[in-house]
N, C-alpha and C. Protein backbone atom coordinates (compact mmCIF):
# COMPACT_ATOMS: atom_id res chain seq x y z
N MET A 1 -106.37 -12.16 -52.00
CA MET A 1 -105.83 -13.42 -51.29
C MET A 1 -104.44 -13.54 -51.18
N ASN A 2 -103.79 -13.77 -50.08
CA ASN A 2 -102.43 -13.83 -49.93
C ASN A 2 -101.92 -15.29 -49.80
N VAL A 3 -100.80 -15.68 -50.30
CA VAL A 3 -100.25 -16.98 -50.28
C VAL A 3 -98.72 -16.69 -49.92
N THR A 4 -98.18 -17.76 -49.22
CA THR A 4 -96.69 -17.74 -48.83
C THR A 4 -96.24 -18.74 -49.78
N TRP A 5 -95.07 -18.46 -50.46
CA TRP A 5 -94.43 -19.34 -51.58
C TRP A 5 -93.02 -19.14 -51.64
N ALA A 6 -92.35 -20.13 -52.21
CA ALA A 6 -91.03 -20.13 -52.72
C ALA A 6 -90.94 -20.92 -54.12
N ALA A 7 -90.02 -20.62 -54.94
CA ALA A 7 -90.14 -21.13 -56.28
C ALA A 7 -88.84 -21.07 -56.79
N THR A 8 -88.74 -21.78 -58.06
CA THR A 8 -87.48 -21.54 -58.92
C THR A 8 -87.40 -20.04 -59.26
N ALA A 9 -86.20 -19.58 -58.92
CA ALA A 9 -85.87 -18.19 -59.32
C ALA A 9 -85.74 -17.88 -60.92
N LEU A 10 -86.31 -16.83 -61.10
CA LEU A 10 -86.33 -16.51 -62.74
C LEU A 10 -84.93 -16.10 -63.16
N GLU A 11 -84.17 -15.41 -62.30
CA GLU A 11 -82.81 -15.18 -62.61
C GLU A 11 -81.79 -16.25 -62.79
N SER A 12 -81.99 -17.06 -61.89
CA SER A 12 -80.80 -18.27 -61.82
C SER A 12 -81.36 -19.57 -62.34
N GLU A 13 -82.62 -19.72 -62.41
CA GLU A 13 -83.41 -20.86 -62.65
C GLU A 13 -83.09 -22.01 -61.82
N ARG A 14 -82.75 -21.69 -60.60
CA ARG A 14 -82.42 -22.68 -59.55
C ARG A 14 -83.43 -22.35 -58.45
N TYR A 15 -83.93 -23.44 -57.69
CA TYR A 15 -84.86 -23.23 -56.61
C TYR A 15 -84.35 -22.36 -55.50
N SER A 16 -85.13 -21.35 -55.12
CA SER A 16 -84.89 -20.55 -53.83
C SER A 16 -85.85 -20.94 -52.96
N ALA A 17 -85.33 -21.24 -51.63
CA ALA A 17 -86.15 -21.68 -50.62
C ALA A 17 -86.68 -20.36 -49.79
N ALA A 18 -86.29 -19.12 -50.28
CA ALA A 18 -86.62 -17.93 -49.55
C ALA A 18 -87.99 -17.63 -49.87
N GLU A 19 -88.86 -17.79 -48.86
CA GLU A 19 -90.32 -17.51 -48.97
C GLU A 19 -90.63 -16.09 -49.07
N LYS A 20 -91.70 -15.82 -49.85
CA LYS A 20 -92.24 -14.49 -49.75
C LYS A 20 -93.88 -14.76 -49.73
N THR A 21 -94.38 -13.75 -49.00
CA THR A 21 -95.91 -13.70 -48.96
C THR A 21 -96.33 -12.68 -49.94
N SER A 22 -97.31 -13.02 -50.70
CA SER A 22 -97.81 -11.97 -51.77
C SER A 22 -99.17 -12.23 -52.03
N ASP A 23 -99.90 -11.44 -52.82
CA ASP A 23 -101.19 -11.71 -53.55
C ASP A 23 -100.88 -12.86 -54.40
N ILE A 24 -102.02 -13.80 -54.73
CA ILE A 24 -102.01 -14.80 -55.52
C ILE A 24 -101.62 -14.41 -56.95
N SER A 25 -101.83 -13.14 -57.36
CA SER A 25 -101.59 -12.64 -58.68
C SER A 25 -99.99 -12.62 -58.93
N GLU A 26 -99.33 -12.23 -57.94
CA GLU A 26 -97.87 -12.31 -58.07
C GLU A 26 -97.29 -13.72 -58.28
N LEU A 27 -97.78 -14.65 -57.58
CA LEU A 27 -97.53 -16.08 -57.73
C LEU A 27 -97.97 -16.46 -58.98
N THR A 28 -99.06 -16.19 -59.47
CA THR A 28 -99.53 -16.57 -60.84
C THR A 28 -98.63 -16.06 -61.97
N ASP A 29 -98.11 -14.76 -61.73
CA ASP A 29 -97.23 -14.24 -62.91
C ASP A 29 -95.93 -14.93 -62.83
N HIS A 30 -95.52 -15.25 -61.58
CA HIS A 30 -94.25 -16.17 -61.41
C HIS A 30 -94.39 -17.41 -62.22
N PHE A 31 -95.47 -18.22 -61.90
CA PHE A 31 -95.76 -19.46 -62.41
C PHE A 31 -95.85 -19.39 -63.98
N ASN A 32 -96.59 -18.42 -64.51
CA ASN A 32 -96.74 -18.24 -65.76
C ASN A 32 -95.31 -17.89 -66.68
N GLU A 33 -94.30 -17.19 -65.89
CA GLU A 33 -93.12 -17.11 -66.50
C GLU A 33 -92.24 -18.47 -66.50
N LEU A 34 -92.33 -19.20 -65.45
CA LEU A 34 -91.72 -20.49 -65.34
C LEU A 34 -92.31 -21.39 -66.39
N ARG A 35 -93.56 -21.29 -66.61
CA ARG A 35 -94.30 -22.11 -67.60
C ARG A 35 -93.75 -21.84 -68.88
N SER A 36 -93.65 -20.57 -69.19
CA SER A 36 -93.18 -20.11 -70.60
C SER A 36 -91.69 -20.47 -70.85
N ARG A 37 -91.01 -20.93 -69.71
CA ARG A 37 -89.51 -21.38 -69.84
C ARG A 37 -89.60 -22.98 -69.94
N GLY A 38 -90.72 -23.61 -69.59
CA GLY A 38 -90.83 -25.08 -69.80
C GLY A 38 -90.68 -25.85 -68.53
N ARG A 39 -90.30 -25.19 -67.42
CA ARG A 39 -90.12 -26.13 -66.29
C ARG A 39 -89.95 -25.25 -65.00
N GLY A 40 -90.39 -25.82 -63.82
CA GLY A 40 -90.12 -25.15 -62.57
C GLY A 40 -90.59 -25.91 -61.42
N TYR A 41 -90.56 -25.36 -60.26
CA TYR A 41 -90.90 -26.02 -59.06
C TYR A 41 -91.25 -24.79 -57.98
N LEU A 42 -92.43 -25.15 -57.43
CA LEU A 42 -92.73 -24.09 -56.41
C LEU A 42 -93.51 -24.73 -55.20
N GLU A 43 -93.33 -24.10 -54.00
CA GLU A 43 -94.04 -24.65 -52.81
C GLU A 43 -94.99 -23.59 -52.33
N VAL A 44 -96.24 -23.98 -51.90
CA VAL A 44 -97.10 -22.93 -51.35
C VAL A 44 -97.80 -23.36 -50.14
N ARG A 45 -97.98 -22.38 -49.23
CA ARG A 45 -98.72 -22.68 -47.94
C ARG A 45 -99.52 -21.46 -47.63
N LEU A 46 -100.45 -21.57 -46.73
CA LEU A 46 -101.28 -20.41 -46.47
C LEU A 46 -100.50 -19.65 -45.26
N PRO A 47 -100.51 -18.27 -45.40
CA PRO A 47 -99.69 -17.44 -44.42
C PRO A 47 -100.25 -17.69 -42.96
N GLY A 48 -99.24 -17.75 -42.07
CA GLY A 48 -99.39 -18.10 -40.75
C GLY A 48 -99.71 -19.51 -40.38
N ARG A 49 -99.59 -20.44 -41.46
CA ARG A 49 -99.71 -21.86 -41.21
C ARG A 49 -98.51 -22.54 -41.81
N GLU A 50 -97.67 -23.40 -41.11
CA GLU A 50 -96.55 -23.96 -41.60
C GLU A 50 -96.97 -25.23 -42.55
N PHE A 51 -98.06 -25.90 -42.03
CA PHE A 51 -98.64 -27.03 -42.85
C PHE A 51 -100.05 -26.89 -42.99
N PRO A 52 -100.72 -27.56 -43.90
CA PRO A 52 -100.08 -28.23 -45.03
C PRO A 52 -99.37 -27.36 -46.04
N ARG A 53 -98.51 -27.90 -46.78
CA ARG A 53 -97.83 -27.17 -47.80
C ARG A 53 -97.96 -28.09 -49.02
N LEU A 54 -98.05 -27.47 -50.16
CA LEU A 54 -98.11 -28.21 -51.35
C LEU A 54 -97.01 -27.70 -52.28
N ALA A 55 -96.42 -28.78 -53.11
CA ALA A 55 -95.22 -28.44 -53.90
C ALA A 55 -95.72 -28.89 -55.15
N LEU A 56 -95.45 -28.12 -56.23
CA LEU A 56 -95.69 -28.35 -57.69
C LEU A 56 -94.47 -28.29 -58.45
N GLY A 57 -94.06 -29.38 -59.13
CA GLY A 57 -92.98 -29.34 -59.99
C GLY A 57 -93.48 -29.86 -61.37
N PHE A 58 -92.97 -29.15 -62.46
CA PHE A 58 -93.47 -29.42 -63.74
C PHE A 58 -92.34 -29.35 -64.87
N GLN A 59 -92.46 -29.98 -65.79
CA GLN A 59 -91.70 -29.99 -66.98
C GLN A 59 -92.62 -30.22 -68.27
N GLY A 60 -92.41 -29.26 -69.14
CA GLY A 60 -93.34 -29.36 -70.31
C GLY A 60 -94.72 -29.16 -69.84
N ASP A 61 -95.56 -30.09 -70.27
CA ASP A 61 -97.05 -30.00 -69.89
C ASP A 61 -97.41 -31.08 -68.84
N GLN A 62 -96.25 -31.71 -68.11
CA GLN A 62 -96.44 -32.83 -67.16
C GLN A 62 -96.05 -32.26 -65.80
N ALA A 63 -96.76 -32.50 -64.69
CA ALA A 63 -96.64 -32.05 -63.43
C ALA A 63 -96.94 -33.16 -62.34
N VAL A 64 -96.30 -32.89 -61.14
CA VAL A 64 -96.51 -33.68 -60.00
C VAL A 64 -96.71 -32.73 -58.77
N ILE A 65 -97.76 -33.21 -57.89
CA ILE A 65 -98.14 -32.36 -56.64
C ILE A 65 -97.73 -33.18 -55.51
N HIS A 66 -96.82 -32.72 -54.60
CA HIS A 66 -96.58 -33.25 -53.36
C HIS A 66 -97.27 -32.59 -52.25
N LEU A 67 -97.67 -33.23 -51.37
CA LEU A 67 -98.36 -32.67 -50.04
C LEU A 67 -97.43 -32.94 -48.89
N PHE A 68 -97.08 -31.94 -48.10
CA PHE A 68 -96.49 -32.16 -47.01
C PHE A 68 -97.41 -31.81 -45.86
N GLY A 69 -98.04 -32.73 -45.27
CA GLY A 69 -99.01 -32.53 -44.21
C GLY A 69 -98.66 -32.01 -42.83
N ASP A 70 -97.35 -32.47 -42.51
CA ASP A 70 -96.67 -32.15 -41.30
C ASP A 70 -95.15 -32.22 -41.60
N ALA A 71 -94.39 -32.05 -40.53
CA ALA A 71 -92.88 -32.14 -40.61
C ALA A 71 -92.34 -33.33 -40.88
N ASP A 72 -93.08 -34.56 -40.70
CA ASP A 72 -92.73 -35.85 -40.98
C ASP A 72 -93.13 -36.58 -42.04
N GLY A 73 -94.36 -36.17 -42.62
CA GLY A 73 -94.98 -36.95 -43.61
C GLY A 73 -95.20 -36.14 -44.97
N SER A 74 -95.17 -37.08 -46.04
CA SER A 74 -95.49 -36.42 -47.42
C SER A 74 -96.24 -37.39 -48.20
N ALA A 75 -96.99 -36.94 -49.24
CA ALA A 75 -97.78 -37.84 -50.12
C ALA A 75 -97.77 -37.12 -51.50
N LEU A 76 -98.13 -37.97 -52.59
CA LEU A 76 -98.12 -37.63 -53.87
C LEU A 76 -99.63 -37.70 -54.22
N LEU A 77 -100.07 -36.79 -55.13
CA LEU A 77 -101.45 -36.63 -55.54
C LEU A 77 -101.43 -37.74 -56.71
N THR A 78 -102.45 -38.39 -56.80
CA THR A 78 -102.75 -39.52 -57.86
C THR A 78 -102.97 -38.70 -59.12
N GLY A 79 -102.43 -39.08 -60.25
CA GLY A 79 -102.44 -38.46 -61.63
C GLY A 79 -103.79 -38.43 -62.13
N ASP A 80 -103.84 -37.81 -63.25
CA ASP A 80 -105.13 -37.65 -63.99
C ASP A 80 -105.20 -38.40 -65.33
N ASP A 81 -104.53 -39.48 -65.33
CA ASP A 81 -104.58 -40.36 -66.54
C ASP A 81 -104.08 -39.68 -67.83
N SER A 82 -103.33 -38.54 -67.74
CA SER A 82 -102.95 -37.96 -68.94
C SER A 82 -101.67 -38.53 -69.47
N VAL A 83 -101.06 -39.45 -68.63
CA VAL A 83 -99.81 -40.37 -69.13
C VAL A 83 -100.09 -41.65 -68.70
N ALA A 84 -99.51 -42.60 -69.57
CA ALA A 84 -99.76 -44.11 -69.11
C ALA A 84 -99.24 -44.39 -67.81
N THR A 85 -99.69 -45.33 -67.03
CA THR A 85 -99.23 -45.51 -65.62
C THR A 85 -97.82 -46.22 -65.72
N ASN A 86 -97.45 -46.88 -66.75
CA ASN A 86 -96.17 -47.42 -66.79
C ASN A 86 -95.07 -46.55 -67.38
N ALA A 87 -95.43 -45.34 -67.76
CA ALA A 87 -94.61 -44.34 -68.26
C ALA A 87 -93.78 -43.77 -67.06
N VAL A 88 -92.55 -43.36 -67.33
CA VAL A 88 -91.77 -42.55 -66.29
C VAL A 88 -91.44 -41.20 -66.81
N VAL A 89 -91.67 -40.19 -66.03
CA VAL A 89 -91.61 -38.83 -66.41
C VAL A 89 -90.65 -38.15 -65.32
N ASP A 90 -89.70 -37.29 -65.94
CA ASP A 90 -88.88 -36.57 -65.08
C ASP A 90 -89.31 -35.32 -64.76
N VAL A 91 -89.55 -34.76 -63.56
CA VAL A 91 -90.10 -33.63 -63.14
C VAL A 91 -89.30 -33.04 -62.11
N PRO A 92 -89.03 -31.65 -62.27
CA PRO A 92 -88.19 -31.00 -61.06
C PRO A 92 -88.77 -31.13 -59.75
N VAL A 93 -87.87 -31.36 -58.94
CA VAL A 93 -88.09 -31.34 -57.42
C VAL A 93 -86.91 -30.50 -56.75
N MET A 94 -87.34 -29.36 -56.42
CA MET A 94 -86.31 -28.38 -55.95
C MET A 94 -85.39 -28.03 -57.22
N GLU A 95 -84.05 -28.51 -57.04
CA GLU A 95 -83.32 -28.17 -58.37
C GLU A 95 -82.85 -29.48 -59.24
N ASP A 96 -83.41 -30.67 -58.83
CA ASP A 96 -83.08 -31.88 -59.36
C ASP A 96 -84.31 -32.45 -60.25
N LEU A 97 -84.08 -33.22 -61.23
CA LEU A 97 -85.14 -33.82 -61.82
C LEU A 97 -85.21 -35.20 -61.30
N ALA A 98 -86.62 -35.58 -60.87
CA ALA A 98 -86.78 -36.78 -60.24
C ALA A 98 -87.84 -37.57 -61.11
N PRO A 99 -87.57 -38.77 -61.28
CA PRO A 99 -88.49 -39.76 -62.03
C PRO A 99 -89.73 -40.01 -61.23
N PHE A 100 -90.92 -39.92 -62.04
CA PHE A 100 -92.20 -40.36 -61.33
C PHE A 100 -92.92 -41.14 -62.31
N SER A 101 -93.68 -42.20 -61.82
CA SER A 101 -94.58 -43.07 -62.70
C SER A 101 -95.84 -42.26 -63.10
N GLY A 102 -96.35 -42.65 -64.28
CA GLY A 102 -97.44 -42.08 -64.80
C GLY A 102 -98.56 -41.98 -63.84
N ASP A 103 -98.54 -42.93 -62.87
CA ASP A 103 -99.56 -42.82 -61.79
C ASP A 103 -99.66 -41.49 -61.04
N PHE A 104 -98.68 -40.73 -61.09
CA PHE A 104 -98.76 -39.39 -60.44
C PHE A 104 -98.65 -38.14 -61.29
N ILE A 105 -98.58 -38.40 -62.46
CA ILE A 105 -98.53 -37.15 -63.36
C ILE A 105 -99.92 -36.62 -63.71
N LEU A 106 -99.98 -35.29 -63.75
CA LEU A 106 -101.05 -34.57 -64.23
C LEU A 106 -100.68 -33.53 -65.21
N THR A 107 -101.58 -33.01 -65.90
CA THR A 107 -101.23 -31.86 -66.91
C THR A 107 -100.97 -30.68 -66.02
N VAL A 108 -100.20 -29.83 -66.53
CA VAL A 108 -99.77 -28.57 -65.78
C VAL A 108 -100.91 -27.79 -65.56
N GLU A 109 -101.83 -27.67 -66.57
CA GLU A 109 -103.09 -26.91 -66.35
C GLU A 109 -103.95 -27.38 -65.17
N HIS A 110 -104.12 -28.70 -65.21
CA HIS A 110 -104.89 -29.43 -64.02
C HIS A 110 -104.17 -29.13 -62.71
N ALA A 111 -102.99 -29.35 -62.64
CA ALA A 111 -102.27 -29.16 -61.47
C ALA A 111 -102.30 -27.71 -60.92
N TRP A 112 -102.07 -26.83 -61.93
CA TRP A 112 -102.20 -25.35 -61.48
C TRP A 112 -103.57 -25.08 -60.82
N THR A 113 -104.68 -25.53 -61.58
CA THR A 113 -106.08 -25.41 -60.99
C THR A 113 -106.25 -25.96 -59.44
N LEU A 114 -105.72 -27.14 -59.34
CA LEU A 114 -105.82 -27.69 -58.07
C LEU A 114 -104.90 -26.90 -56.94
N LEU A 115 -103.81 -26.41 -57.36
CA LEU A 115 -103.02 -25.61 -56.38
C LEU A 115 -103.79 -24.35 -56.07
N ARG A 116 -104.35 -23.65 -57.08
CA ARG A 116 -105.22 -22.54 -56.79
C ARG A 116 -106.36 -22.79 -55.89
N ASN A 117 -107.03 -23.98 -56.03
CA ASN A 117 -108.11 -24.32 -55.30
C ASN A 117 -107.64 -24.48 -53.78
N PHE A 118 -106.46 -25.11 -53.62
CA PHE A 118 -105.90 -25.20 -52.32
C PHE A 118 -105.68 -23.84 -51.58
N ILE A 119 -105.06 -22.89 -52.45
CA ILE A 119 -104.87 -21.51 -51.92
C ILE A 119 -106.02 -20.84 -51.60
N GLN A 120 -107.09 -21.05 -52.37
CA GLN A 120 -108.52 -20.23 -52.07
C GLN A 120 -109.17 -21.05 -50.85
N THR A 121 -109.03 -22.29 -50.58
CA THR A 121 -109.90 -22.99 -49.60
C THR A 121 -109.04 -23.37 -48.42
N GLY A 122 -107.76 -23.67 -48.67
CA GLY A 122 -106.89 -24.16 -47.56
C GLY A 122 -107.11 -25.67 -47.27
N ALA A 123 -107.98 -26.29 -48.16
CA ALA A 123 -108.25 -27.72 -48.11
C ALA A 123 -107.57 -28.54 -49.21
N HIS A 124 -106.81 -29.54 -48.60
CA HIS A 124 -106.10 -30.41 -49.53
C HIS A 124 -106.88 -31.84 -49.76
N ASP A 125 -107.69 -32.07 -48.85
CA ASP A 125 -108.43 -33.38 -49.05
C ASP A 125 -109.24 -33.61 -50.36
N GLU A 126 -109.91 -32.40 -50.64
CA GLU A 126 -110.66 -32.50 -51.83
C GLU A 126 -110.01 -32.52 -53.24
N LEU A 127 -108.91 -32.32 -53.24
CA LEU A 127 -107.99 -32.27 -54.46
C LEU A 127 -107.98 -33.54 -55.33
N GLY A 128 -108.08 -34.68 -54.60
CA GLY A 128 -107.99 -36.03 -55.21
C GLY A 128 -107.44 -37.08 -54.23
N ASP A 129 -107.06 -38.10 -54.65
CA ASP A 129 -106.43 -39.28 -53.88
C ASP A 129 -105.10 -38.95 -53.69
N TRP A 130 -104.52 -39.09 -52.44
CA TRP A 130 -103.15 -39.08 -51.95
C TRP A 130 -102.54 -40.46 -51.66
N CYS A 131 -101.26 -40.59 -52.15
CA CYS A 131 -100.65 -41.75 -51.80
C CYS A 131 -99.29 -41.31 -50.91
N GLU A 132 -99.35 -41.88 -49.72
CA GLU A 132 -98.52 -41.55 -48.62
C GLU A 132 -97.04 -42.13 -49.07
N LEU A 133 -96.02 -41.46 -48.77
CA LEU A 133 -94.72 -41.90 -49.13
C LEU A 133 -93.92 -42.35 -47.84
């Protein structure tokens, strides 16, 4: 199964918007390397489709998933109660750290599972509740 993706570059540790299309195993290897380094950001979409696009930013064991449903709209996936709702967690978005309330924080493992489900099915609606921005 192929996926189109862009991610934090391993060499520079900066986000590279240059997309590549590869087998999901190559993306998995890249994600695992970023995870071993403690943080990263990636965007995925299905080949041949501009939208929907999911973005996963993570630091340590905490992650956030954004949905870009079209060129004008975005949403955040509701968290999995792994962090208190009144907590604030900094997570990479592209190259910068951005603060998110605990309402939108997931464990990295859970976020990765959801991202893989999206890649396999192309459906984002079943991943959870989305809060439009």
